[in-house]
N, C-alpha and C. Protein backbone atom coordinates (compact mmCIF):
# COMPACT_ATOMS: atom_id res chain seq x y z
N UNK A 1 122.77 94.90 120.06
CA UNK A 1 122.31 94.53 119.00
C UNK A 1 123.47 94.47 117.37
N UNK A 2 123.70 93.76 116.43
CA UNK A 2 124.81 94.57 115.71
C UNK A 2 124.21 95.45 114.54
N UNK A 3 125.47 96.15 114.36
CA UNK A 3 124.90 97.61 113.24
C UNK A 3 123.97 97.01 112.43
N UNK A 4 122.98 97.58 111.66
CA UNK A 4 122.69 97.81 110.17
C UNK A 4 121.29 96.71 110.49
N UNK A 5 120.62 96.60 111.49
CA UNK A 5 119.70 95.24 111.82
C UNK A 5 118.84 96.16 110.48
N UNK A 6 117.97 94.97 110.15
CA UNK A 6 116.69 95.82 109.40
C UNK A 6 115.39 94.41 110.08
N UNK A 7 114.62 95.69 110.97
CA UNK A 7 113.41 95.15 111.55
C UNK A 7 112.55 94.76 110.38
N UNK A 8 111.66 93.85 110.90
CA UNK A 8 110.29 93.32 110.10
C UNK A 8 109.64 93.37 111.00
N UNK A 9 108.43 94.12 111.30
CA UNK A 9 107.96 94.63 112.10
C UNK A 9 106.18 93.18 112.19
N UNK A 10 106.53 92.36 113.40
CA UNK A 10 105.20 90.75 113.44
C UNK A 10 104.49 92.09 114.27
N UNK A 11 103.16 91.79 114.22
CA UNK A 11 101.79 92.31 114.98
C UNK A 11 100.98 91.49 114.84
N UNK A 12 101.41 90.15 113.51
CA UNK A 12 100.48 89.41 113.77
C UNK A 12 99.40 89.26 112.20
N UNK A 13 100.03 90.16 111.40
CA UNK A 13 99.22 90.21 110.12
C UNK A 13 99.70 89.69 109.16
N UNK A 14 99.64 88.77 108.67
CA UNK A 14 99.62 88.55 107.14
C UNK A 14 101.66 87.98 106.84
N UNK A 15 101.99 88.48 105.43
CA UNK A 15 103.03 87.25 105.04
C UNK A 15 104.22 88.02 105.81
N UNK A 16 104.83 88.20 106.92
CA UNK A 16 106.26 88.48 107.62
C UNK A 16 107.00 87.74 106.70
N UNK A 17 107.20 86.33 106.93
CA UNK A 17 108.10 85.34 106.36
C UNK A 17 108.55 85.68 104.90
N UNK A 18 107.06 86.01 104.11
CA UNK A 18 108.12 86.15 102.58
C UNK A 18 108.51 87.64 102.18
N UNK A 19 108.46 88.32 103.17
CA UNK A 19 108.97 90.09 103.07
C UNK A 19 110.55 89.82 103.83
N UNK A 20 110.70 89.28 105.04
CA UNK A 20 111.51 88.65 105.47
C UNK A 20 112.73 87.63 104.35
N UNK A 21 112.20 87.02 103.78
CA UNK A 21 112.90 86.14 103.12
C UNK A 21 113.65 86.86 101.86
N UNK A 22 112.31 87.83 101.57
CA UNK A 22 113.05 88.73 100.45
C UNK A 22 113.66 89.42 100.16
N UNK A 23 113.63 90.41 101.74
CA UNK A 23 114.65 90.75 102.06
C UNK A 23 116.17 90.69 102.13
N UNK A 24 116.23 89.30 102.70
CA UNK A 24 117.57 88.24 102.93
C UNK A 24 118.44 88.33 102.01
N UNK A 25 117.40 88.43 100.75
CA UNK A 25 118.04 87.99 99.31
C UNK A 25 118.52 89.06 98.80
N UNK A 26 118.18 90.67 99.35
CA UNK A 26 119.39 91.80 98.81
C UNK A 26 119.49 92.03 99.77
N UNK A 27 119.98 91.58 101.20
CA UNK A 27 120.21 92.50 102.44
C UNK A 27 121.91 92.55 102.29
N UNK A 28 122.56 92.14 101.18
CA UNK A 28 124.35 92.22 101.65
C UNK A 28 124.77 91.51 102.79
N UNK A 29 124.19 90.23 103.22
CA UNK A 29 124.76 90.40 104.72
C UNK A 29 124.16 91.23 105.69
N UNK A 30 123.07 91.78 105.74
CA UNK A 30 122.89 92.38 107.07
C UNK A 30 121.74 91.92 107.32
N UNK A 31 121.55 91.61 108.61
CA UNK A 31 120.69 90.95 109.57
C UNK A 31 119.17 90.98 109.37
N UNK A 32 118.59 90.50 109.19
CA UNK A 32 116.96 90.86 109.07
C UNK A 32 116.61 89.73 110.03
N UNK A 33 115.18 90.73 110.66
CA UNK A 33 115.54 90.38 111.76
C UNK A 33 113.34 90.25 111.65
N UNK A 34 112.61 89.15 111.77
CA UNK A 34 111.46 89.21 112.32
C UNK A 34 111.04 89.66 113.77
N UNK A 35 110.52 91.15 114.37
CA UNK A 35 110.37 91.00 115.44
C UNK A 35 108.96 91.50 116.09
N UNK A 36 108.52 91.34 117.26
CA UNK A 36 107.39 91.45 118.07
C UNK A 36 108.04 92.87 118.60
N UNK A 37 109.40 92.90 119.45
CA UNK A 37 110.13 93.70 120.29
C UNK A 37 110.32 94.86 120.02
N UNK A 38 109.65 96.25 120.48
CA UNK A 38 109.56 97.21 120.77
C UNK A 38 111.36 97.56 120.94
N UNK A 39 111.52 96.84 121.56
CA UNK A 39 113.15 97.60 122.07
C UNK A 39 113.87 97.27 120.07
N UNK A 40 113.74 96.26 119.78
CA UNK A 40 114.28 95.68 118.74
C UNK A 40 113.81 96.67 117.21
N UNK A 41 112.63 96.89 117.46
CA UNK A 41 112.90 98.30 116.48
C UNK A 41 113.23 99.29 116.53
N UNK A 42 112.99 99.82 117.69
CA UNK A 42 113.77 100.94 118.03
C UNK A 42 115.26 100.94 117.30
N UNK A 43 115.95 99.74 118.16
CA UNK A 43 117.34 99.72 117.82
C UNK A 43 117.60 99.42 116.74
N UNK A 44 116.94 99.12 115.51
CA UNK A 44 117.33 98.66 114.19
C UNK A 44 117.91 99.79 113.44
N UNK A 45 118.00 99.84 112.56
CA UNK A 45 118.98 100.28 111.26
C UNK A 45 117.57 100.96 110.65
N UNK A 46 116.88 99.91 110.12
CA UNK A 46 115.97 100.39 108.61
C UNK A 46 114.29 99.31 109.58
N UNK A 47 113.69 100.23 109.23
CA UNK A 47 112.07 99.31 110.29
C UNK A 47 111.26 99.18 108.41
N UNK A 48 110.88 97.71 108.26
CA UNK A 48 110.21 97.58 107.56
C UNK A 48 108.34 96.84 107.99
N UNK A 49 107.20 97.66 107.86
CA UNK A 49 106.17 97.00 108.20
C UNK A 49 105.27 96.61 107.05
N UNK A 50 105.36 95.16 106.29
CA UNK A 50 104.00 94.73 106.30
C UNK A 50 103.06 94.30 106.51
N UNK A 51 102.32 93.77 105.86
CA UNK A 51 100.71 93.24 106.70
C UNK A 51 100.05 92.65 105.63
N UNK A 52 99.22 92.21 105.55
CA UNK A 52 98.14 91.50 105.23
C UNK A 52 96.85 91.47 105.92
N UNK A 53 95.42 91.78 105.60
CA UNK A 53 94.49 91.54 106.50
C UNK A 53 93.42 92.99 106.48
N UNK A 54 92.81 92.78 107.74
CA UNK A 54 91.87 94.64 107.92
C UNK A 54 92.41 95.45 108.94
N UNK A 55 92.37 96.37 108.25
CA UNK A 55 92.63 97.72 108.88
C UNK A 55 92.34 97.72 110.80
N UNK A 56 90.87 97.35 111.02
CA UNK A 56 91.06 97.25 112.44
C UNK A 56 91.56 96.35 112.90
N UNK A 57 91.70 94.85 112.54
CA UNK A 57 92.77 94.13 113.27
C UNK A 57 94.15 94.89 113.61
N UNK A 58 94.48 95.02 112.54
CA UNK A 58 96.17 95.81 112.27
C UNK A 58 96.25 96.37 113.58
N UNK A 59 95.30 97.93 113.09
CA UNK A 59 95.29 98.92 114.71
C UNK A 59 95.18 98.25 116.02
N UNK A 60 94.37 96.93 116.14
CA UNK A 60 94.61 96.41 117.50
C UNK A 60 95.47 95.59 117.70
N UNK A 61 96.02 95.32 116.92
CA UNK A 61 97.14 94.12 117.80
C UNK A 61 98.45 94.69 117.77
N UNK A 62 98.44 96.12 116.52
CA UNK A 62 99.38 97.24 117.11
C UNK A 62 99.59 97.53 118.54
N UNK A 63 98.50 98.43 118.97
CA UNK A 63 98.10 98.72 119.92
C UNK A 63 98.34 97.66 121.41
N UNK A 64 97.93 96.14 120.95
CA UNK A 64 97.54 95.30 122.25
C UNK A 64 98.95 94.24 122.25
N UNK A 65 100.50 95.11 121.12
CA UNK A 65 101.62 94.48 121.85
C UNK A 65 102.30 95.51 121.92
N UNK A 66 102.11 96.24 121.77
CA UNK A 66 102.72 97.58 122.30
C UNK A 66 104.01 97.87 121.15
N UNK A 67 103.29 98.18 119.98
CA UNK A 67 103.91 98.57 118.68
C UNK A 67 104.14 99.61 118.52
N UNK A 68 102.89 100.17 118.74
CA UNK A 68 102.30 101.24 118.23
C UNK A 68 103.42 102.67 118.17
N UNK A 69 104.11 102.94 119.54
CA UNK A 69 104.60 103.71 119.49
C UNK A 69 106.24 103.61 118.69
N UNK A 70 106.67 102.36 118.97
CA UNK A 70 108.21 101.78 118.00
C UNK A 70 107.95 102.00 116.48
N UNK A 71 106.51 101.93 116.21
CA UNK A 71 106.28 102.21 114.87
C UNK A 71 106.43 103.78 114.56
N UNK A 72 105.71 104.49 115.41
CA UNK A 72 105.35 105.86 115.31
C UNK A 72 107.16 106.68 114.94
N UNK A 73 107.59 106.25 116.35
CA UNK A 73 109.15 106.51 116.03
C UNK A 73 110.01 106.02 115.08
N UNK A 74 110.08 105.19 114.55
CA UNK A 74 110.86 104.56 113.09
C UNK A 74 110.09 105.55 111.94
N UNK A 75 108.71 105.53 112.01
CA UNK A 75 108.30 106.57 111.08
C UNK A 75 109.31 108.35 111.02
N UNK A 76 109.05 108.31 112.18
CA UNK A 76 109.99 109.49 112.13
C UNK A 76 111.66 109.60 112.03
N UNK A 77 112.22 109.00 111.89
CA UNK A 77 113.88 109.23 112.15
C UNK A 77 114.64 108.31 111.85
N UNK A 78 114.27 107.36 111.05
CA UNK A 78 114.79 106.17 110.16
C UNK A 78 114.36 105.13 108.94
N UNK A 79 115.15 105.10 108.38
CA UNK A 79 114.13 104.16 106.51
C UNK A 79 113.65 103.37 107.20
N UNK A 80 112.27 103.57 106.79
CA UNK A 80 110.79 103.32 107.46
C UNK A 80 110.19 103.01 105.40
N UNK A 81 109.82 101.77 105.66
CA UNK A 81 108.99 100.78 104.21
C UNK A 81 107.84 100.60 104.71
N UNK A 82 106.65 100.54 104.77
CA UNK A 82 105.10 100.44 104.25
C UNK A 82 105.41 99.68 103.37
N UNK A 83 104.75 98.12 103.76
CA UNK A 83 103.43 97.52 102.40
C UNK A 83 102.44 97.06 102.60
N UNK A 84 101.74 97.25 101.70
CA UNK A 84 100.18 96.42 101.95
C UNK A 84 99.50 98.00 103.13
N UNK A 85 98.93 97.10 104.14
CA UNK A 85 98.69 98.02 105.19
C UNK A 85 99.24 98.47 106.09
N UNK A 86 100.58 98.25 105.70
CA UNK A 86 101.77 98.95 106.07
C UNK A 86 102.30 100.50 105.53
N UNK A 87 101.12 100.57 104.60
CA UNK A 87 101.35 101.50 103.94
C UNK A 87 100.15 102.38 104.93
N UNK A 88 98.57 101.86 104.42
CA UNK A 88 97.21 102.38 104.69
C UNK A 88 97.49 103.19 106.40
N UNK A 89 98.03 102.42 107.41
CA UNK A 89 98.36 102.16 109.11
C UNK A 89 98.69 103.81 109.11
N UNK A 90 99.86 104.43 107.74
CA UNK A 90 100.59 105.78 107.93
C UNK A 90 99.28 107.08 107.74
N UNK A 91 97.93 106.79 107.47
CA UNK A 91 97.19 107.57 107.48
C UNK A 91 95.96 108.15 107.91
N UNK A 92 95.57 108.66 108.39
CA UNK A 92 94.87 109.43 109.45
C UNK A 92 93.40 108.57 109.89
N UNK A 93 92.87 107.86 108.78
CA UNK A 93 91.46 107.18 108.96
C UNK A 93 91.00 106.34 107.74
N UNK A 94 90.95 105.22 108.17
CA UNK A 94 89.86 104.68 106.91
C UNK A 94 88.91 104.27 106.73
N UNK A 95 88.08 103.86 106.23
CA UNK A 95 86.61 103.53 105.64
C UNK A 95 86.46 101.79 106.42
N UNK A 96 87.64 101.00 106.18
CA UNK A 96 87.70 99.96 106.35
C UNK A 96 87.66 100.03 107.99
N UNK A 97 86.15 99.47 108.80
CA UNK A 97 86.09 99.23 109.66
C UNK A 97 85.85 100.72 110.55
N UNK A 98 85.54 101.68 109.92
CA UNK A 98 86.08 103.07 109.82
C UNK A 98 86.88 103.60 111.36
N UNK A 99 88.25 103.16 111.46
CA UNK A 99 88.91 103.03 112.13
C UNK A 99 90.05 104.54 112.35
N UNK A 100 90.51 104.81 113.68
CA UNK A 100 91.78 105.62 112.73
C UNK A 100 92.59 104.79 113.00
N UNK A 101 93.66 105.66 111.85
CA UNK A 101 95.31 105.05 111.61
C UNK A 101 96.46 105.69 112.31
N UNK A 102 97.49 105.65 112.22
CA UNK A 102 98.48 106.18 112.96
C UNK A 102 98.67 107.72 112.64
N UNK A 103 98.01 108.43 111.33
CA UNK A 103 98.29 109.78 111.18
C UNK A 103 99.22 110.79 110.78
N UNK A 104 100.48 109.92 110.62
CA UNK A 104 101.49 110.39 109.91
C UNK A 104 101.70 110.92 108.91
N UNK A 105 100.54 110.19 108.10
CA UNK A 105 100.79 111.56 106.55
C UNK A 105 99.23 111.75 106.47
N UNK A 106 98.80 112.61 105.64
CA UNK A 106 97.16 113.54 106.07
C UNK A 106 96.76 112.38 104.77
N UNK A 107 95.11 112.09 104.89
CA UNK A 107 94.64 111.28 104.34
C UNK A 107 93.79 110.30 104.44
N UNK A 108 93.01 109.35 103.73
CA UNK A 108 92.25 108.54 103.95
C UNK A 108 92.69 107.62 103.37
N UNK A 109 92.26 106.36 104.09
CA UNK A 109 91.79 105.05 103.08
C UNK A 109 90.70 104.99 102.64
N UNK A 110 90.66 104.46 101.55
CA UNK A 110 89.40 105.13 100.71
C UNK A 110 89.09 102.92 100.08
N UNK A 111 87.64 102.65 99.92
CA UNK A 111 87.18 101.35 99.48
C UNK A 111 87.38 101.55 98.08
N UNK A 112 87.39 100.79 96.68
CA UNK A 112 87.51 101.25 95.35
C UNK A 112 85.76 101.14 95.40
N UNK A 113 85.46 102.12 94.33
CA UNK A 113 83.76 102.42 94.92
C UNK A 113 83.07 101.78 94.18
N UNK A 114 82.10 100.93 93.92
CA UNK A 114 81.85 100.13 93.13
C UNK A 114 81.20 100.12 91.74
N UNK A 115 81.14 101.61 91.76
CA UNK A 115 80.35 102.19 90.67
C UNK A 115 81.14 102.48 89.41
N UNK A 116 82.34 102.33 90.10
CA UNK A 116 83.33 103.13 88.75
C UNK A 116 84.70 101.81 88.71
N UNK A 117 84.29 100.20 89.19
CA UNK A 117 84.92 99.07 88.76
C UNK A 117 84.79 98.52 87.96
N UNK A 118 85.03 98.86 86.34
CA UNK A 118 84.72 98.71 85.29
C UNK A 118 85.95 99.28 84.15
N UNK A 119 85.62 98.66 83.41
CA UNK A 119 87.49 98.55 82.36
C UNK A 119 86.31 99.94 81.39
N UNK A 120 87.23 100.64 80.38
CA UNK A 120 86.40 101.36 79.02
C UNK A 120 85.52 100.66 78.38
N UNK A 121 85.77 99.48 78.21
CA UNK A 121 84.58 98.41 77.38
C UNK A 121 83.49 98.47 78.35
N UNK A 122 83.41 98.79 79.67
CA UNK A 122 82.34 98.41 80.50
C UNK A 122 82.23 96.82 81.35
N UNK A 123 83.21 95.78 80.71
CA UNK A 123 83.70 95.10 81.23
C UNK A 123 84.42 95.18 83.17
N UNK A 124 83.28 94.47 83.91
CA UNK A 124 83.22 94.70 85.69
C UNK A 124 84.64 94.91 86.00
N UNK A 125 85.59 95.15 87.05
CA UNK A 125 86.57 94.51 87.67
C UNK A 125 86.27 93.75 88.91
N UNK A 126 86.79 93.43 89.68
CA UNK A 126 86.82 92.58 90.58
C UNK A 126 87.34 93.28 91.98
N UNK A 127 86.73 93.60 93.15
CA UNK A 127 87.21 93.93 94.20
C UNK A 127 87.91 92.63 94.99
N UNK A 128 88.69 92.14 95.99
CA UNK A 128 89.94 92.93 95.45
C UNK A 128 90.35 93.19 94.45
N UNK A 129 91.36 94.62 93.96
CA UNK A 129 91.97 94.59 92.98
C UNK A 129 93.37 93.43 92.92
N UNK A 130 93.43 92.25 92.61
CA UNK A 130 94.62 91.32 92.58
C UNK A 130 95.24 90.77 91.48
N UNK A 131 96.22 90.78 92.01
CA UNK A 131 97.12 90.33 90.32
C UNK A 131 98.31 91.50 90.25
N UNK A 132 98.84 91.47 89.17
CA UNK A 132 100.04 92.62 88.57
C UNK A 132 99.26 93.66 87.91
N UNK A 133 99.86 94.66 87.69
CA UNK A 133 99.49 95.89 87.68
C UNK A 133 100.61 96.98 87.27
N UNK A 134 100.27 97.59 86.42
CA UNK A 134 101.39 98.83 85.80
C UNK A 134 101.69 100.04 87.27
N UNK A 135 102.48 99.85 87.94
CA UNK A 135 103.50 101.41 88.17
C UNK A 135 103.81 102.28 87.88
N UNK A 136 102.85 103.59 87.92
CA UNK A 136 103.46 104.57 86.78
C UNK A 136 103.90 105.69 88.02
N UNK A 137 105.42 106.18 88.40
CA UNK A 137 105.90 106.60 88.96
C UNK A 137 105.83 108.33 88.37
N UNK A 138 105.34 109.10 89.80
CA UNK A 138 104.84 110.39 89.52
C UNK A 138 105.86 111.46 90.03
N UNK A 139 106.88 110.85 91.18
CA UNK A 139 108.63 112.12 90.92
C UNK A 139 109.62 110.93 91.43
N UNK A 140 111.00 111.76 91.03
CA UNK A 140 111.66 110.62 91.07
C UNK A 140 112.31 110.01 92.51
N UNK A 141 112.42 109.50 92.99
CA UNK A 141 112.89 109.00 94.23
C UNK A 141 114.14 107.91 94.07
N UNK A 142 114.72 107.35 95.08
CA UNK A 142 116.05 106.41 94.92
C UNK A 142 115.67 105.09 95.13
N UNK A 143 114.28 104.59 95.56
CA UNK A 143 113.45 103.33 95.68
C UNK A 143 113.10 102.93 94.31
N UNK A 144 113.09 104.04 93.39
CA UNK A 144 112.68 103.67 91.78
C UNK A 144 113.90 103.58 91.09
N UNK A 145 114.89 103.37 91.51
CA UNK A 145 116.42 103.83 90.65
C UNK A 145 116.15 101.65 90.63
N UNK A 146 116.69 102.14 88.62
CA UNK A 146 117.04 100.65 88.04
C UNK A 146 115.63 99.99 88.09
N UNK A 147 114.23 100.89 88.21
CA UNK A 147 112.86 100.45 88.05
C UNK A 147 112.32 100.87 87.10
N UNK A 148 112.36 100.59 85.64
CA UNK A 148 111.12 101.03 84.81
C UNK A 148 109.85 101.65 84.93
N UNK A 149 109.89 103.21 84.83
CA UNK A 149 108.42 103.51 84.63
C UNK A 149 107.26 102.76 84.16
N UNK A 150 106.11 102.35 84.93
CA UNK A 150 105.15 101.48 84.51
C UNK A 150 105.71 99.74 84.13
N UNK A 151 106.76 99.81 85.69
CA UNK A 151 107.28 98.09 85.73
C UNK A 151 105.62 97.94 86.63
N UNK A 152 105.53 96.23 86.39
CA UNK A 152 104.78 96.01 86.87
C UNK A 152 104.68 95.28 88.32
N UNK A 153 103.89 95.34 89.05
CA UNK A 153 104.14 95.06 90.58
C UNK A 153 102.28 94.00 91.02
N UNK A 154 102.49 93.32 92.27
CA UNK A 154 101.81 92.59 92.22
C UNK A 154 100.68 93.49 93.43
N UNK A 155 99.79 92.92 93.54
CA UNK A 155 98.39 94.21 94.16
C UNK A 155 97.57 93.17 94.62
N UNK A 156 97.40 93.07 95.54
CA UNK A 156 96.04 92.65 96.70
C UNK A 156 95.13 93.03 97.46
N UNK A 157 94.33 93.97 97.35
CA UNK A 157 93.71 94.67 98.60
C UNK A 157 92.07 95.39 97.77
N UNK A 158 91.33 95.65 98.80
CA UNK A 158 90.26 96.44 98.18
C UNK A 158 89.90 98.12 98.37
N UNK A 159 91.11 98.34 99.30
CA UNK A 159 90.90 99.79 99.91
C UNK A 159 92.53 100.60 99.32
N UNK A 160 91.97 101.60 99.55
CA UNK A 160 93.41 102.03 98.63
C UNK A 160 93.59 103.72 99.88
N UNK A 161 94.82 104.48 99.44
CA UNK A 161 95.17 105.65 100.12
C UNK A 161 94.64 106.87 99.15
N UNK A 162 94.41 107.62 100.27
CA UNK A 162 94.28 109.29 99.28
C UNK A 162 94.90 109.98 100.21
N UNK A 163 96.30 110.31 99.84
CA UNK A 163 96.83 111.05 100.44
C UNK A 163 96.10 112.52 100.62
N UNK A 164 95.78 113.54 101.72
CA UNK A 164 95.43 114.85 101.65
C UNK A 164 96.96 116.00 101.27
N UNK A 165 97.81 115.01 100.92
CA UNK A 165 98.97 115.93 100.23
C UNK A 165 99.73 115.29 98.77
N UNK A 166 99.46 116.09 97.98
CA UNK A 166 99.48 115.75 96.80
C UNK A 166 101.03 115.23 96.69
N UNK A 167 101.86 116.13 97.24
CA UNK A 167 103.06 115.98 97.42
C UNK A 167 103.83 114.99 97.55
N UNK A 168 103.72 113.98 98.58
CA UNK A 168 103.71 112.69 98.83
C UNK A 168 103.73 111.44 97.89
N UNK A 169 102.80 111.74 97.06
CA UNK A 169 102.25 110.87 96.10
C UNK A 169 103.59 109.95 95.37
N UNK A 170 103.98 108.91 95.33
CA UNK A 170 105.24 108.96 94.04
C UNK A 170 105.06 108.21 93.48
N UNK A 171 104.08 107.25 92.88
CA UNK A 171 103.03 106.74 92.03
C UNK A 171 101.95 106.52 92.02
N UNK A 172 101.15 105.77 90.58
CA UNK A 172 99.88 105.98 90.71
C UNK A 172 99.26 104.28 89.92
N UNK A 173 98.53 103.85 89.99
CA UNK A 173 98.31 102.48 89.16
C UNK A 173 96.46 102.82 88.79
N UNK A 174 95.81 102.50 87.91
CA UNK A 174 94.76 102.66 87.05
C UNK A 174 94.09 101.12 87.35
N UNK A 175 93.16 101.23 88.14
CA UNK A 175 92.54 100.28 88.57
C UNK A 175 90.62 100.44 88.08
N UNK A 176 90.30 100.78 87.39
CA UNK A 176 88.81 101.60 87.56
C UNK A 176 88.87 103.30 87.87
N UNK A 177 89.65 103.15 88.63
CA UNK A 177 89.90 104.46 88.79
C UNK A 177 91.51 104.45 88.98
N UNK A 178 92.40 106.01 88.74
CA UNK A 178 93.55 106.12 89.00
C UNK A 178 93.90 105.80 90.41
N UNK A 179 94.37 105.06 90.93
CA UNK A 179 94.97 105.18 92.33
C UNK A 179 96.25 105.43 93.13
N UNK A 180 96.64 105.88 94.39
CA UNK A 180 97.95 106.19 94.84
C UNK A 180 98.56 104.78 94.82
N UNK A 181 99.31 104.71 94.21
CA UNK A 181 100.55 103.28 94.77
C UNK A 181 101.20 103.13 95.30
N UNK A 182 101.57 104.50 95.90
CA UNK A 182 103.18 104.95 96.62
C UNK A 182 103.55 106.07 96.97
N UNK A 183 103.72 105.79 97.86
CA UNK A 183 103.82 107.69 98.86
C UNK A 183 105.37 107.36 99.42
N UNK A 184 105.77 108.69 99.18
CA UNK A 184 107.22 108.93 99.89
C UNK A 184 107.52 110.54 100.11
N UNK A 185 107.79 110.70 101.78
CA UNK A 185 107.81 111.73 102.02
C UNK A 185 108.92 111.77 103.53
N UNK A 186 110.40 112.28 103.44
CA UNK A 186 111.77 112.14 104.07
C UNK A 186 111.87 110.69 104.18
N UNK A 187 111.68 110.24 105.34
CA UNK A 187 112.58 108.98 105.52
C UNK A 187 111.86 107.73 104.73
N UNK A 188 110.45 108.25 104.75
CA UNK A 188 109.25 107.37 104.61
C UNK A 188 109.08 106.80 103.24
N UNK A 189 108.76 105.34 102.97
CA UNK A 189 108.07 104.96 101.55
C UNK A 189 107.27 103.58 101.58
N UNK A 190 106.45 103.64 100.87
CA UNK A 190 105.04 102.95 101.23
C UNK A 190 104.46 103.04 100.26
N UNK A 191 104.17 101.32 99.94
CA UNK A 191 103.63 100.85 98.36
C UNK A 191 102.33 100.01 98.97
N UNK A 192 101.63 100.01 98.06
CA UNK A 192 100.26 99.27 98.50
C UNK A 192 100.67 97.86 97.53
N UNK A 193 101.19 97.52 97.01
CA UNK A 193 102.04 96.66 96.00
C UNK A 193 102.20 95.64 97.13
N UNK A 194 103.00 94.60 96.88
CA UNK A 194 103.48 93.31 97.75
C UNK A 194 104.69 93.21 96.50
N UNK A 195 105.91 94.31 97.05
CA UNK A 195 107.30 94.11 96.13
C UNK A 195 108.29 92.32 96.51
N UNK A 196 107.90 91.95 97.58
CA UNK A 196 108.22 90.24 97.76
C UNK A 196 107.42 89.65 96.60
N UNK A 197 106.50 89.88 96.21
CA UNK A 197 105.36 88.88 95.39
C UNK A 197 105.68 88.95 93.93
N UNK A 198 106.40 90.53 93.86
CA UNK A 198 106.55 91.21 92.10
C UNK A 198 107.85 90.95 91.69
N UNK A 199 108.43 89.76 91.67
CA UNK A 199 109.66 89.76 90.55
C UNK A 199 110.81 90.37 90.68
N UNK A 200 111.22 90.85 89.86
CA UNK A 200 112.81 91.41 89.55
C UNK A 200 112.47 92.86 90.09
N UNK A 201 111.93 93.72 90.01
CA UNK A 201 111.04 95.13 89.92
C UNK A 201 110.81 94.76 91.57
N UNK A 202 110.08 94.04 92.38
CA UNK A 202 110.26 94.30 93.81
C UNK A 202 111.63 94.47 94.45
N UNK A 203 112.12 93.19 93.57
CA UNK A 203 113.39 92.38 94.21
C UNK A 203 114.13 94.00 94.21
N UNK A 204 114.17 94.75 93.37
CA UNK A 204 114.80 95.70 92.99
C UNK A 204 114.62 97.06 94.17
N UNK A 205 112.75 97.41 94.31
CA UNK A 205 112.97 98.18 95.51
C UNK A 205 113.12 98.10 96.61
N UNK A 206 113.29 96.72 96.87
CA UNK A 206 113.73 96.17 98.48
C UNK A 206 115.38 96.10 98.87
N UNK A 207 116.32 95.87 97.57
CA UNK A 207 117.30 96.55 97.36
C UNK A 207 117.54 98.23 97.63
N UNK A 208 117.24 98.58 96.95
CA UNK A 208 117.30 100.00 96.95
C UNK A 208 116.73 100.47 98.13
N UNK A 209 115.80 100.03 98.98
CA UNK A 209 115.69 100.62 100.63
C UNK A 209 116.88 99.99 101.58
N UNK A 210 117.44 99.23 101.31
CA UNK A 210 118.45 98.53 101.66
C UNK A 210 119.53 99.56 101.76
N UNK A 211 119.91 99.87 100.84
CA UNK A 211 120.79 101.10 100.62
C UNK A 211 120.17 102.53 100.45
N UNK A 212 119.87 103.11 101.20
CA UNK A 212 118.94 104.17 100.71
C UNK A 212 119.32 104.96 102.06
N UNK A 213 120.21 105.99 102.11
CA UNK A 213 120.24 106.69 103.51
C UNK A 213 119.70 108.12 103.23
N UNK A 214 118.31 108.05 103.48
CA UNK A 214 117.60 109.46 103.49
C UNK A 214 118.23 110.27 104.31
């Protein structure tokens, strides 16, 4: 494999092509490979795990395709970006389908609480949370470089991560309740939003990931 490969992990879930296209746009000539091959993931310089869909399907497909160990290894030793379900799978357990995640980060994946889904004026908020929302950075990180605090990103989700370790929270977003919208620890950065659908701020985040050397 040529050096500098960016592997986008294909476990049958969601918007891989749009993620790959956005990465190619900022990759400075580094090859971007969409792959379901654990050996390609293991050999890559950096790994991106995107995803849309339901957590039980996600974990089942990851196991059935033999990708579980490759993803765990990548999260342990190379620049790793999780997007949407790719963030949620890093945690210990999800309320969606009552399934265990990979347990790489401590905490739970929870559903937005129906009773709190309203604005201060009482107006109801819909679940899934879908559309543009502000991301409030809670700690400095190389992946926030060039991105204004409060920049708007695009979201589509009904569940959110509730980390067991507050030190890994990198941003919060308000939707009825404040929730964790990005996590960071060591070589891992993971977001609930979709940077590939988030215009300039999203491309900046992906570009920062390409150049990040944790």
